[in-house]
Amino acid sequence: MQNFDFNKALKAIQAGKPSTGTDGVLAPLIK
């Protein structure tokens, strides 16, 4: 989980960005 900003991810999800997928905000957690 290095370099993963959970708050930034939450804001991105709330902004309507995809949370999964290769370009999603959770991609760093999946890889």
N, C-alpha and C. Protein backbone atom coordinates (compact mmCIF):
# COMPACT_ATOMS: atom_id res chain seq x y z
N MET A 1 0.82 -1.21 0.00
CA MET A 1 0.00 0.00 0.00
C MET A 1 0.85 1.25 0.00
N GLN A 2 2.05 1.16 -0.55
CA GLN A 2 2.89 2.35 -0.57
C GLN A 2 2.36 3.37 -1.56
N ASN A 3 2.45 4.64 -1.18
CA ASN A 3 2.02 5.75 -2.04
C ASN A 3 0.52 5.71 -2.33
N PHE A 4 -0.27 5.09 -1.46
CA PHE A 4 -1.72 5.08 -1.68
C PHE A 4 -2.37 6.07 -0.72
N ASP A 5 -3.04 7.07 -1.28
CA ASP A 5 -3.69 8.10 -0.47
C ASP A 5 -5.18 7.77 -0.37
N PHE A 6 -5.57 7.24 0.79
CA PHE A 6 -6.95 6.80 0.94
C PHE A 6 -7.93 7.97 0.85
N ASN A 7 -7.56 9.12 1.43
CA ASN A 7 -8.44 10.29 1.37
C ASN A 7 -8.63 10.76 -0.06
N LYS A 8 -7.54 10.73 -0.83
CA LYS A 8 -7.65 11.15 -2.23
C LYS A 8 -8.54 10.17 -3.00
N ALA A 9 -8.42 8.90 -2.67
CA ALA A 9 -9.25 7.89 -3.33
C ALA A 9 -10.73 8.11 -3.00
N LEU A 10 -11.01 8.40 -1.73
CA LEU A 10 -12.39 8.65 -1.34
C LEU A 10 -12.96 9.85 -2.09
N LYS A 11 -12.17 10.90 -2.20
CA LYS A 11 -12.63 12.09 -2.92
C LYS A 11 -12.88 11.77 -4.38
N ALA A 12 -12.02 10.94 -4.96
CA ALA A 12 -12.19 10.57 -6.36
C ALA A 12 -13.47 9.77 -6.55
N ILE A 13 -13.74 8.86 -5.61
CA ILE A 13 -14.96 8.05 -5.70
C ILE A 13 -16.19 8.95 -5.56
N GLN A 14 -16.13 9.89 -4.62
CA GLN A 14 -17.25 10.80 -4.40
C GLN A 14 -17.44 11.71 -5.61
N ALA A 15 -16.36 11.97 -6.35
CA ALA A 15 -16.43 12.82 -7.53
C ALA A 15 -17.00 12.05 -8.72
N GLY A 16 -17.16 10.74 -8.56
CA GLY A 16 -17.77 9.94 -9.61
C GLY A 16 -16.77 9.20 -10.48
N LYS A 17 -15.50 9.19 -10.07
CA LYS A 17 -14.51 8.46 -10.86
C LYS A 17 -14.63 6.97 -10.59
N PRO A 18 -14.25 6.13 -11.56
CA PRO A 18 -14.32 4.68 -11.35
C PRO A 18 -13.39 4.25 -10.23
N SER A 19 -13.86 3.36 -9.36
CA SER A 19 -13.04 2.92 -8.23
C SER A 19 -12.32 1.62 -8.52
N THR A 20 -12.70 0.96 -9.63
CA THR A 20 -12.03 -0.28 -10.00
C THR A 20 -11.57 -0.19 -11.44
N GLY A 21 -10.77 -1.13 -11.87
CA GLY A 21 -10.24 -1.10 -13.23
C GLY A 21 -8.80 -0.61 -13.23
N THR A 22 -8.17 -0.66 -14.39
CA THR A 22 -6.75 -0.33 -14.48
C THR A 22 -6.49 1.13 -14.18
N ASP A 23 -7.47 2.00 -14.46
CA ASP A 23 -7.27 3.43 -14.21
C ASP A 23 -8.10 3.92 -13.03
N GLY A 24 -8.66 2.96 -12.28
CA GLY A 24 -9.47 3.33 -11.14
C GLY A 24 -8.61 3.75 -9.96
N VAL A 25 -9.24 4.37 -8.97
CA VAL A 25 -8.50 4.86 -7.82
C VAL A 25 -8.02 3.73 -6.92
N LEU A 26 -8.64 2.55 -7.05
CA LEU A 26 -8.23 1.42 -6.22
C LEU A 26 -7.23 0.52 -6.92
N ALA A 27 -6.84 0.89 -8.14
CA ALA A 27 -5.88 0.07 -8.89
C ALA A 27 -4.58 -0.19 -8.11
N PRO A 28 -4.04 0.81 -7.40
CA PRO A 28 -2.81 0.55 -6.63
C PRO A 28 -2.97 -0.54 -5.58
N LEU A 29 -4.19 -0.71 -5.07
CA LEU A 29 -4.42 -1.75 -4.06
C LEU A 29 -4.51 -3.13 -4.71
N ILE A 30 -5.03 -3.18 -5.93
CA ILE A 30 -5.23 -4.46 -6.60
C ILE A 30 -3.91 -5.02 -7.11
N LYS A 31 -3.06 -4.15 -7.62
CA LYS A 31 -1.80 -4.60 -8.21
C LYS A 31 -0.84 -5.11 -7.14
